[in-house]
Amino acid sequence: MKLKDDITDLELFDYLNKLKRQGMFLFVEDKKLKYRINKELYNEELINEIKVNKENLLRYLSKAQENTLELSSLQLAYMAGQIEGEFLNKVNAHYYIEFEKRNLDIDNLEKNINLLIRKNDILRLVLLSEGKGIILDKVPLYKVLQYRYEIQEERQTMRKSLSNMIYNVETWPMFNFVVGKRNIGENKNDVLHISFDCSVLDAWSAGKMIYQLFALYEGEKVSFSDISYKEYVRHLKKYKELEFNRKLLIAAERYWDSRIMSLPKTPNLRTKVEIENLDEYKFKRKEYWFSKDQTDGLIYYSKRKCVTLSAILITIYMKVLSELVDVDELTITTTLFGKLPVVKNIDDLLGEFTNIGLLSYKDEHKFILDSIKETQKQIFKLLEYRCLDGISIINKIRLQENKKNKLFPIVVTCMIGENYSSCKNGFREICSLSRTPQVYLDHHIRVIDERIVITFDYIDELLYEEDIDWIVKEYTDTVSEICSNR
């Protein structure tokens, strides 16, 4: 079989994987195409097929090593979190978001999605089963799937399907854009469903990519990074080897070695079933929008008391959790924006840069402001030592306690500092949902339309909805109390 001349890297990648499954391994040595195959599997027809397609295969394999990169600790953790034997391993790290738009032009949308794919190599990343990644130079044109719907149940069906999407390794793309069109002549909005694997885009990059797409759709100019994600990964390794950063890493290791000894345990929320008995599960979201007056009140309190909004809200969350499970101290996981300044002008670079850290709370202060200041000290330390992979801290704790399945299932992601709009270029955000392996409660904090918005994504089959409702009520009551006593 002769492969077509304009074959894409994805098709060559899939073809080589097919050969591997047949026991044929191709590689380049001294700029020549070589193969290795078991004698009993030798097939003259297959060998001739390789010879016919030699030029394309040699070109692809010659660049494959250059395009292969190391995955981050978190990307590897996402993969490891789905392996057999781990708890809460039935999902991938995934984000779903839905928008409405009047008379959505699918051709225009599709054209600009493909522009983003060309300009951002992270959108051409394929995860490899051996724990690496490969950037494909040439991929097929992405086609936006579309459907027509007359009743909301049809839209809900698509939402359910895409919000529970699982992307497997060695496949492309790791994202989906689907448009639901209303009947022609109806004066109603179309719907845009977006699903993506968080191994490809972190929360910050996803937000930037979506806003770039909407700007391009309206014909606005968009700036792209002049450095690729592949280059960033390679510069990052050299960056961490600089003398200053090596000293910083040593200091970070010492800091965490001392902290781990006295770190409180993660809170055990009551569950409907034992975690190990949970076979299938879905995530559900609770959302609350603070009023503009409440948001302004927290900002005023933040400035007057010289503490950050992030420290205030995360402290309130940990305090409420401690009251829910009736403990005096606890530890939760937090995510950090981990893009490091390895080269100049990388603000527009998209990718997966998330780092994680641990934050603890102890009910030992009379006034909540003192607890907030303690949280702020910890956050500042996390930022100071963000060059250290947080996954290594988790692994140390697991080794120390000799527990492979030691979980840190409660996570908070605070994205204050990024100003989001619920309506951008006519695209209005309707709903969203996140999920992560080995996590059963994921709290997000954002500012949308100048209002603080808090969401809680949780495993519906595991946690009690009344407990989540209680968290939201106590959380918001505490905010109101702070605003009234500012």
Protein backbone atom coordinates (compact mmCIF):
# COMPACT_ATOMS: atom_id res chain seq x y z
CA MET A 1 0.00 0.00 0.00
CA LYS A 2 1.43 3.35 -1.04
CA LEU A 3 0.76 6.14 1.42
CA LYS A 4 -0.47 9.41 -0.07
CA ASP A 5 2.14 12.09 -0.76
CA ASP A 6 0.44 14.72 1.41
CA ILE A 7 0.10 12.39 4.37
CA THR A 8 0.02 14.12 7.76
CA ASP A 9 2.22 13.39 10.75
CA LEU A 10 -0.83 12.08 12.59
CA GLU A 11 -1.49 9.51 9.87
CA LEU A 12 2.17 8.46 9.94
CA PHE A 13 2.07 8.25 13.73
CA ASP A 14 -1.01 5.99 13.56
CA TYR A 15 0.57 3.91 10.77
CA LEU A 16 3.74 3.29 12.81
CA ASN A 17 1.65 2.33 15.83
CA LYS A 18 -0.20 -0.16 13.66
CA LEU A 19 3.14 -1.65 12.58
CA LYS A 20 4.24 -1.90 16.22
CA ARG A 21 1.12 -3.88 17.04
CA GLN A 22 2.13 -6.26 14.23
CA GLY A 23 5.59 -6.65 15.75
CA MET A 24 7.42 -4.32 13.34
CA PHE A 25 9.57 -1.55 14.83
CA LEU A 26 11.00 1.15 12.54
CA PHE A 27 13.84 3.50 13.50
CA VAL A 28 16.52 5.72 11.97
CA GLU A 29 20.20 4.89 12.24
CA ASP A 30 22.98 6.74 10.39
CA LYS A 31 20.24 8.62 8.50
CA LYS A 32 18.91 5.32 7.15
CA LEU A 33 15.54 3.69 7.78
CA LYS A 34 15.96 0.43 9.69
CA TYR A 35 13.51 -2.09 11.06
CA ARG A 36 13.39 -4.79 13.71
CA ILE A 37 10.94 -7.70 13.54
CA ASN A 38 10.63 -11.17 15.00
CA LYS A 39 11.55 -13.83 12.44
CA GLU A 40 8.25 -15.64 12.85
CA LEU A 41 6.40 -12.40 12.02
CA TYR A 42 8.46 -11.65 8.90
CA ASN A 43 6.17 -10.73 6.02
CA GLU A 44 7.51 -10.00 2.56
CA GLU A 45 4.43 -7.98 1.64
CA LEU A 46 4.85 -5.79 4.72
CA ILE A 47 8.56 -5.24 3.99
CA ASN A 48 7.73 -4.14 0.45
CA GLU A 49 5.11 -1.75 1.84
CA ILE A 50 7.78 -0.19 4.08
CA LYS A 51 10.13 0.22 1.12
CA VAL A 52 7.43 1.91 -0.97
CA ASN A 53 6.76 4.40 1.83
CA LYS A 54 10.39 4.82 2.85
CA GLU A 55 10.65 8.53 2.05
CA ASN A 56 7.70 9.63 4.20
CA LEU A 57 8.62 7.29 7.05
CA LEU A 58 12.25 8.41 7.06
CA ARG A 59 11.19 12.07 7.11
CA TYR A 60 8.80 11.54 10.00
CA LEU A 61 11.12 9.39 12.13
CA SER A 62 14.06 11.75 11.54
CA LYS A 63 12.05 14.56 13.17
CA ALA A 64 10.32 12.40 15.79
CA GLN A 65 13.20 12.56 18.26
CA GLU A 66 13.44 16.34 17.90
CA ASN A 67 9.70 16.65 18.44
CA THR A 68 9.56 14.36 21.47
CA LEU A 69 9.55 16.12 24.83
CA GLU A 70 9.48 15.35 28.54
CA LEU A 71 6.10 15.69 30.18
CA SER A 72 5.73 17.73 33.34
CA SER A 73 5.31 16.02 36.70
CA LEU A 74 1.66 17.00 36.73
CA GLN A 75 1.01 15.65 33.23
CA LEU A 76 2.59 12.36 34.32
CA ALA A 77 0.51 12.43 37.50
CA TYR A 78 -2.66 12.87 35.44
CA MET A 79 -1.70 9.75 33.49
CA ALA A 80 -0.68 7.78 36.59
CA GLY A 81 -3.90 8.78 38.33
CA GLN A 82 -5.87 6.73 35.81
CA ILE A 83 -3.96 3.45 36.13
CA GLU A 84 -5.45 0.30 37.59
CA GLY A 85 -5.12 0.10 41.36
CA GLU A 86 -5.39 3.84 42.07
CA PHE A 87 -8.47 5.25 43.75
CA LEU A 88 -10.77 7.61 41.81
CA ASN A 89 -9.10 6.61 38.53
CA LYS A 90 -12.16 6.53 36.26
CA VAL A 91 -11.71 10.03 34.81
CA ASN A 92 -9.04 12.06 33.07
CA ALA A 93 -8.06 15.64 33.92
CA HIS A 94 -10.74 17.39 31.93
CA TYR A 95 -12.55 20.70 31.55
CA TYR A 96 -15.84 21.38 29.81
CA ILE A 97 -17.29 24.79 29.05
CA GLU A 98 -20.37 25.88 27.10
CA PHE A 99 -21.22 29.15 25.36
CA GLU A 100 -24.18 30.60 23.49
CA LYS A 101 -23.87 32.79 20.42
CA ARG A 102 -26.45 34.24 18.03
CA ASN A 103 -26.12 32.89 14.44
CA LEU A 104 -22.77 31.19 14.98
CA ASP A 105 -20.76 30.96 11.75
CA ILE A 106 -19.24 27.46 11.84
CA ASP A 107 -16.91 28.03 8.87
CA ASN A 108 -15.46 31.14 10.54
CA LEU A 109 -15.10 29.29 13.83
CA GLU A 110 -13.44 26.30 12.21
CA LYS A 111 -11.01 28.47 10.23
CA ASN A 112 -9.79 30.18 13.40
CA ILE A 113 -9.56 26.96 15.43
CA ASN A 114 -7.19 25.67 12.75
CA LEU A 115 -5.23 28.93 12.93
CA LEU A 116 -4.80 28.40 16.68
CA ILE A 117 -3.69 24.81 16.08
CA ARG A 118 -1.02 26.00 13.62
CA LYS A 119 0.22 28.78 15.91
CA ASN A 120 0.27 26.77 19.17
CA ASP A 121 2.22 23.52 19.08
CA ILE A 122 0.70 22.38 22.40
CA LEU A 123 -2.56 21.88 20.45
CA ARG A 124 -0.69 19.32 18.32
CA LEU A 125 0.60 17.36 21.31
CA VAL A 126 0.10 13.60 21.53
CA LEU A 127 0.70 11.88 24.86
CA LEU A 128 2.73 8.70 24.55
CA SER A 129 2.10 5.61 26.64
CA GLU A 130 5.74 5.53 27.76
CA GLY A 131 5.28 8.86 29.58
CA LYS A 132 6.57 11.32 27.00
CA GLY A 133 4.86 13.58 24.48
CA ILE A 134 5.34 14.25 20.80
CA ILE A 135 4.49 17.41 18.87
CA LEU A 136 3.11 16.71 15.42
CA ASP A 137 4.22 19.25 12.82
CA LYS A 138 1.40 18.54 10.40
CA VAL A 139 -2.08 17.44 11.44
CA PRO A 140 -5.34 17.12 9.48
CA LEU A 141 -7.60 20.16 9.31
CA TYR A 142 -9.82 20.16 12.36
CA LYS A 143 -13.52 19.81 11.59
CA VAL A 144 -16.13 21.21 13.97
CA LEU A 145 -18.88 18.70 14.61
CA GLN A 146 -22.36 20.20 14.37
CA TYR A 147 -25.87 19.07 15.15
CA ARG A 148 -29.34 20.59 15.09
CA TYR A 149 -31.59 20.59 18.09
CA GLU A 150 -35.18 21.57 18.66
CA ILE A 151 -35.58 20.67 22.34
CA GLN A 152 -33.26 21.19 25.31
CA GLU A 153 -32.97 17.43 25.90
CA GLU A 154 -30.90 17.12 22.70
CA ARG A 155 -28.55 19.83 23.94
CA GLN A 156 -28.35 18.18 27.36
CA THR A 157 -27.40 14.88 25.74
CA MET A 158 -24.45 16.52 23.98
CA ARG A 159 -23.47 18.32 27.19
CA LYS A 160 -23.49 15.04 29.12
CA SER A 161 -21.42 13.29 26.46
CA LEU A 162 -18.74 15.99 26.15
CA SER A 163 -18.50 16.86 29.86
CA ASN A 164 -17.69 13.19 30.52
CA MET A 165 -15.26 12.85 27.61
CA ILE A 166 -12.12 10.79 28.20
CA TYR A 167 -9.11 11.34 25.92
CA ASN A 168 -6.80 8.37 25.57
CA VAL A 169 -3.02 8.49 25.15
CA GLU A 170 -1.64 8.30 21.61
CA THR A 171 -4.66 10.03 20.12
CA TRP A 172 -5.24 13.47 18.58
CA PRO A 173 -6.89 15.86 19.13
CA MET A 174 -7.11 16.17 22.91
CA PHE A 175 -10.00 18.62 22.56
CA ASN A 176 -13.41 18.96 20.94
CA PHE A 177 -15.46 21.87 19.60
CA VAL A 178 -19.10 21.05 18.85
CA VAL A 179 -21.80 23.47 17.68
CA GLY A 180 -25.50 22.96 18.22
CA LYS A 181 -27.60 24.95 15.71
CA ARG A 182 -31.21 25.97 16.25
CA ASN A 183 -33.65 25.63 13.39
CA ILE A 184 -33.20 28.24 10.64
CA GLY A 185 -35.40 31.26 11.21
CA GLU A 186 -35.60 30.82 14.97
CA ASN A 187 -34.47 33.92 16.83
CA LYS A 188 -32.51 31.90 19.37
CA ASN A 189 -28.87 31.35 20.25
CA ASP A 190 -26.68 28.56 18.93
CA VAL A 191 -24.54 26.65 21.44
CA LEU A 192 -20.78 26.02 21.42
CA HIS A 193 -19.55 23.06 23.47
CA ILE A 194 -15.79 22.99 24.27
CA SER A 195 -14.06 20.01 25.86
CA PHE A 196 -10.34 19.56 26.44
CA ASP A 197 -7.87 17.44 28.35
CA CYS A 198 -6.01 19.47 31.00
CA SER A 199 -2.78 17.66 30.06
CA VAL A 200 -2.75 19.95 27.03
CA LEU A 201 -4.05 23.22 28.47
CA ASP A 202 -4.08 24.44 32.05
CA ALA A 203 -6.92 26.66 33.27
CA TRP A 204 -5.07 29.88 32.47
CA SER A 205 -4.06 28.77 28.97
CA ALA A 206 -7.56 27.48 28.22
CA GLY A 207 -9.07 30.83 29.13
CA LYS A 208 -6.54 32.65 26.95
CA MET A 209 -7.10 30.28 24.02
CA ILE A 210 -10.88 30.69 24.17
CA TYR A 211 -10.63 34.48 24.30
CA GLN A 212 -8.16 34.41 21.39
CA LEU A 213 -10.60 32.28 19.40
CA PHE A 214 -13.48 34.67 20.04
CA ALA A 215 -11.33 37.66 19.09
CA LEU A 216 -10.19 36.00 15.87
CA TYR A 217 -13.79 35.11 15.09
CA GLU A 218 -14.64 38.83 15.17
CA GLY A 219 -11.67 39.70 12.97
CA GLU A 220 -9.52 41.19 15.74
CA LYS A 221 -5.74 40.92 15.75
CA VAL A 222 -4.25 38.41 18.18
CA SER A 223 -0.61 38.15 19.25
CA PHE A 224 0.98 34.71 19.39
CA SER A 225 4.06 33.63 21.30
CA ASP A 226 7.31 33.59 19.35
CA ILE A 227 8.46 30.60 21.41
CA SER A 228 6.92 27.13 21.16
CA TYR A 229 5.85 24.95 24.06
CA LYS A 230 8.47 22.43 22.96
CA GLU A 231 11.17 25.10 23.25
CA TYR A 232 9.81 26.19 26.63
CA VAL A 233 10.13 22.65 28.01
CA ARG A 234 13.75 22.43 26.88
CA HIS A 235 14.63 25.89 28.18
CA LEU A 236 12.97 24.99 31.49
CA LYS A 237 15.43 22.17 32.10
CA LYS A 238 18.38 24.54 31.57
CA TYR A 239 16.68 27.22 33.67
CA LYS A 240 16.43 24.91 36.68
CA GLU A 241 20.13 24.08 36.37
CA LEU A 242 21.17 27.72 36.83
CA GLU A 243 23.11 28.31 40.05
CA PHE A 244 20.46 30.58 41.55
CA ASN A 245 17.68 28.08 40.88
CA ARG A 246 19.66 25.12 42.17
CA LYS A 247 20.11 26.93 45.45
CA LEU A 248 16.42 27.80 45.46
CA LEU A 249 15.49 24.16 44.88
CA ILE A 250 17.69 23.08 47.78
CA ALA A 251 16.02 25.67 50.02
CA ALA A 252 12.60 24.49 48.84
CA GLU A 253 13.44 20.87 49.62
CA ARG A 254 14.56 21.84 53.13
CA TYR A 255 11.41 23.89 53.68
CA TRP A 256 9.12 21.01 52.69
CA ASP A 257 11.16 18.38 54.54
CA SER A 258 10.58 20.37 57.73
CA ARG A 259 6.91 21.07 56.98
CA ILE A 260 5.95 17.52 56.05
CA MET A 261 6.72 16.32 59.58
CA SER A 262 3.98 18.50 61.08
CA LEU A 263 1.56 18.76 58.16
CA PRO A 264 -2.05 18.08 59.22
CA LYS A 265 -4.04 15.38 57.43
CA THR A 266 -6.45 16.06 54.61
CA PRO A 267 -10.06 16.31 55.86
CA ASN A 268 -12.19 13.20 55.52
CA LEU A 269 -15.58 14.24 54.23
CA ARG A 270 -18.38 11.79 54.87
CA THR A 271 -19.14 9.65 51.82
CA LYS A 272 -22.09 7.66 50.55
CA VAL A 273 -19.85 4.65 49.87
CA GLU A 274 -16.23 3.70 50.52
CA ILE A 275 -13.97 5.27 47.90
CA GLU A 276 -12.54 1.89 46.92
CA ASN A 277 -16.07 0.62 46.19
CA LEU A 278 -16.88 3.44 43.77
CA ASP A 279 -17.13 1.88 40.31
CA GLU A 280 -18.61 4.56 38.05
CA TYR A 281 -19.10 8.20 38.89
CA LYS A 282 -19.86 11.63 37.47
CA PHE A 283 -18.98 15.12 38.61
CA LYS A 284 -21.58 17.75 39.45
CA ARG A 285 -21.17 21.53 39.98
CA LYS A 286 -22.47 23.99 42.58
CA GLU A 287 -21.96 27.66 41.78
CA TYR A 288 -22.42 30.91 43.68
CA TRP A 289 -21.98 34.49 42.47
CA PHE A 290 -21.18 37.09 45.10
CA SER A 291 -22.86 40.44 44.56
CA LYS A 292 -20.88 43.43 43.32
CA ASP A 293 -21.26 44.97 46.82
CA GLN A 294 -19.86 41.82 48.46
CA THR A 295 -16.98 41.70 46.00
CA ASP A 296 -16.18 45.38 46.55
CA GLY A 297 -16.44 44.80 50.31
CA LEU A 298 -13.85 41.99 50.16
CA ILE A 299 -11.56 44.12 47.99
CA TYR A 300 -11.84 46.97 50.52
CA TYR A 301 -11.13 44.58 53.40
CA SER A 302 -8.18 43.12 51.47
CA LYS A 303 -6.58 46.54 50.94
CA ARG A 304 -7.32 47.80 54.44
CA LYS A 305 -5.91 44.71 56.16
CA CYS A 306 -3.01 44.25 53.68
CA VAL A 307 -3.96 40.69 52.75
CA THR A 308 -4.73 39.21 49.33
CA LEU A 309 -8.17 38.22 48.13
CA SER A 310 -6.81 34.74 47.44
CA ALA A 311 -5.67 34.34 51.06
CA ILE A 312 -9.03 35.56 52.35
CA LEU A 313 -11.16 33.19 50.29
CA ILE A 314 -8.93 30.13 50.65
CA THR A 315 -8.81 30.64 54.42
CA ILE A 316 -12.60 30.90 54.57
CA TYR A 317 -12.85 27.66 52.58
CA MET A 318 -10.44 25.79 54.86
CA LYS A 319 -12.19 27.14 57.97
CA VAL A 320 -15.57 25.95 56.66
CA LEU A 321 -14.13 22.52 55.83
CA SER A 322 -12.71 22.20 59.34
CA GLU A 323 -16.14 22.96 60.78
CA LEU A 324 -17.84 20.49 58.45
CA VAL A 325 -15.64 17.56 59.49
CA ASP A 326 -15.15 18.86 63.06
CA VAL A 327 -11.35 18.98 63.13
CA ASP A 328 -8.97 21.66 64.39
CA GLU A 329 -6.48 21.34 61.54
CA LEU A 330 -6.32 20.14 57.96
CA THR A 331 -4.38 20.27 54.68
CA ILE A 332 -5.69 20.76 51.15
CA THR A 333 -4.09 20.95 47.71
CA THR A 334 -3.89 24.17 45.76
CA THR A 335 -2.94 24.73 42.13
CA LEU A 336 -0.45 27.39 41.10
CA PHE A 337 0.21 29.12 37.81
CA GLY A 338 3.63 27.60 37.18
CA LYS A 339 4.88 29.26 33.99
CA LEU A 340 8.47 30.20 34.79
CA PRO A 341 10.45 33.05 33.12
CA VAL A 342 12.76 30.75 31.21
CA VAL A 343 12.95 33.13 28.24
CA LYS A 344 11.62 36.58 27.41
CA ASN A 345 8.21 37.31 25.92
CA ILE A 346 6.37 34.08 26.79
CA ASP A 347 3.17 35.68 28.10
CA ASP A 348 1.19 34.52 25.06
CA LEU A 349 2.47 30.93 25.19
CA LEU A 350 -0.22 28.27 25.68
CA GLY A 351 0.44 24.99 27.43
CA GLU A 352 0.27 23.05 30.67
CA PHE A 353 2.20 24.97 33.32
CA THR A 354 0.28 24.10 36.50
CA ASN A 355 2.16 23.34 39.66
CA ILE A 356 0.58 22.26 42.91
CA GLY A 357 1.24 22.94 46.57
CA LEU A 358 -0.19 22.13 49.97
CA LEU A 359 -1.89 24.61 52.29
CA SER A 360 -2.77 23.88 55.91
CA TYR A 361 -5.21 25.44 58.35
CA LYS A 362 -5.17 25.32 62.15
CA ASP A 363 -7.99 26.62 64.29
CA GLU A 364 -5.68 28.36 66.75
CA HIS A 365 -6.45 32.04 66.18
CA LYS A 366 -9.16 34.07 67.85
CA PHE A 367 -9.64 36.31 64.83
CA ILE A 368 -9.98 35.13 61.24
CA LEU A 369 -7.59 37.86 60.05
CA ASP A 370 -4.75 36.06 61.85
CA SER A 371 -5.63 32.85 60.03
CA ILE A 372 -5.73 34.73 56.73
CA LYS A 373 -2.26 36.14 57.36
CA GLU A 374 -0.98 32.63 58.10
CA THR A 375 -2.46 31.35 54.83
CA GLN A 376 -0.89 34.27 53.00
CA LYS A 377 2.55 33.38 54.37
CA GLN A 378 2.12 29.86 53.03
CA ILE A 379 0.97 31.12 49.61
CA PHE A 380 3.99 33.42 49.39
CA LYS A 381 6.26 30.45 50.19
CA LEU A 382 4.58 28.39 47.47
CA LEU A 383 5.23 31.21 45.00
CA GLU A 384 8.82 31.63 46.17
CA TYR A 385 9.49 27.90 45.71
CA ARG A 386 7.31 27.32 42.66
CA CYS A 387 10.31 25.96 40.74
CA LEU A 388 9.97 22.81 42.88
CA ASP A 389 7.48 20.31 41.49
CA GLY A 390 4.66 19.94 43.97
CA ILE A 391 4.12 16.33 42.88
CA SER A 392 7.46 15.50 44.51
CA ILE A 393 6.05 16.71 47.84
CA ILE A 394 3.01 14.44 47.48
CA ASN A 395 5.30 11.51 46.61
CA LYS A 396 7.43 12.15 49.69
CA ILE A 397 4.37 12.06 51.91
CA ARG A 398 3.24 8.84 50.27
CA LEU A 399 6.64 7.24 50.85
CA GLN A 400 6.82 8.50 54.41
CA GLU A 401 3.43 7.03 55.26
CA ASN A 402 4.03 3.97 53.05
CA LYS A 403 0.67 4.43 51.35
CA LYS A 404 0.53 4.12 47.57
CA ASN A 405 -3.07 5.33 47.46
CA LYS A 406 -2.62 8.25 49.87
CA LEU A 407 -5.11 10.79 48.55
CA PHE A 408 -5.28 14.57 48.58
CA PRO A 409 -8.77 14.68 47.08
CA ILE A 410 -9.71 18.26 47.99
CA VAL A 411 -8.31 20.95 45.69
CA VAL A 412 -8.66 24.72 45.42
CA THR A 413 -7.79 26.72 42.30
CA CYS A 414 -7.83 30.47 42.76
CA MET A 415 -7.66 32.47 39.54
CA ILE A 416 -8.10 35.93 41.01
CA GLY A 417 -5.94 38.31 39.02
CA GLU A 418 -7.46 37.12 35.74
CA ASN A 419 -10.50 39.24 34.85
CA TYR A 420 -13.04 37.12 33.04
CA SER A 421 -16.15 38.20 31.21
CA SER A 422 -19.27 36.05 30.96
CA CYS A 423 -19.83 37.52 27.49
CA LYS A 424 -16.91 37.97 25.11
CA ASN A 425 -17.41 39.03 21.48
CA GLY A 426 -21.03 37.90 21.70
CA PHE A 427 -20.15 34.47 23.15
CA ARG A 428 -21.90 34.10 26.53
CA GLU A 429 -20.65 31.50 29.02
CA ILE A 430 -23.48 29.25 30.18
CA CYS A 431 -21.90 26.50 32.26
CA SER A 432 -18.66 24.64 32.91
CA LEU A 433 -17.37 21.59 34.78
CA SER A 434 -13.96 20.24 35.76
CA ARG A 435 -12.77 16.87 36.94
CA THR A 436 -9.41 15.39 37.93
CA PRO A 437 -8.20 11.86 38.76
CA GLN A 438 -7.91 11.20 42.52
CA VAL A 439 -9.94 14.31 43.34
CA TYR A 440 -13.51 14.31 44.65
CA LEU A 441 -13.98 18.00 45.50
CA ASP A 442 -12.50 20.76 43.34
CA HIS A 443 -13.11 24.39 44.33
CA HIS A 444 -12.55 27.19 41.78
CA ILE A 445 -12.45 30.91 42.54
CA ARG A 446 -12.74 33.40 39.68
CA VAL A 447 -13.70 37.01 39.09
CA ILE A 448 -16.30 37.27 36.31
CA ASP A 449 -17.93 40.55 35.32
CA GLU A 450 -16.26 42.18 38.38
CA ARG A 451 -17.94 39.69 40.73
CA ILE A 452 -16.30 36.87 42.67
CA VAL A 453 -17.66 33.51 41.56
CA ILE A 454 -17.08 30.30 43.52
CA THR A 455 -17.75 26.82 42.16
CA PHE A 456 -17.53 23.33 43.64
CA ASP A 457 -17.11 20.34 41.34
CA TYR A 458 -17.71 17.11 43.24
CA ILE A 459 -18.39 13.41 42.70
CA ASP A 460 -22.13 13.11 42.93
CA GLU A 461 -22.10 9.37 43.74
CA LEU A 462 -19.65 9.90 46.60
CA LEU A 463 -20.40 13.17 48.41
CA TYR A 464 -23.69 14.34 49.87
CA GLU A 465 -25.26 17.30 48.09
CA GLU A 466 -26.45 18.65 51.44
CA ASP A 467 -22.82 18.85 52.61
CA ILE A 468 -21.85 20.86 49.53
CA ASP A 469 -24.86 23.13 50.10
CA TRP A 470 -23.74 23.58 53.70
CA ILE A 471 -20.22 24.52 52.57
CA VAL A 472 -21.61 27.13 50.19
CA LYS A 473 -23.89 28.62 52.86
CA GLU A 474 -21.21 28.83 55.57
CA TYR A 475 -18.69 30.14 53.04
CA THR A 476 -20.99 32.92 51.85
CA ASP A 477 -22.17 33.75 55.39
CA THR A 478 -18.54 34.19 56.45
CA VAL A 479 -17.89 36.50 53.51
CA SER A 480 -20.95 38.57 54.45
CA GLU A 481 -19.73 38.78 58.05
CA ILE A 482 -16.30 39.97 56.96
CA CYS A 483 -17.87 42.59 54.67
CA SER A 484 -20.12 43.87 57.47
CA ASN A 485 -17.21 44.18 59.92
CA ARG A 486 -14.65 45.67 57.58
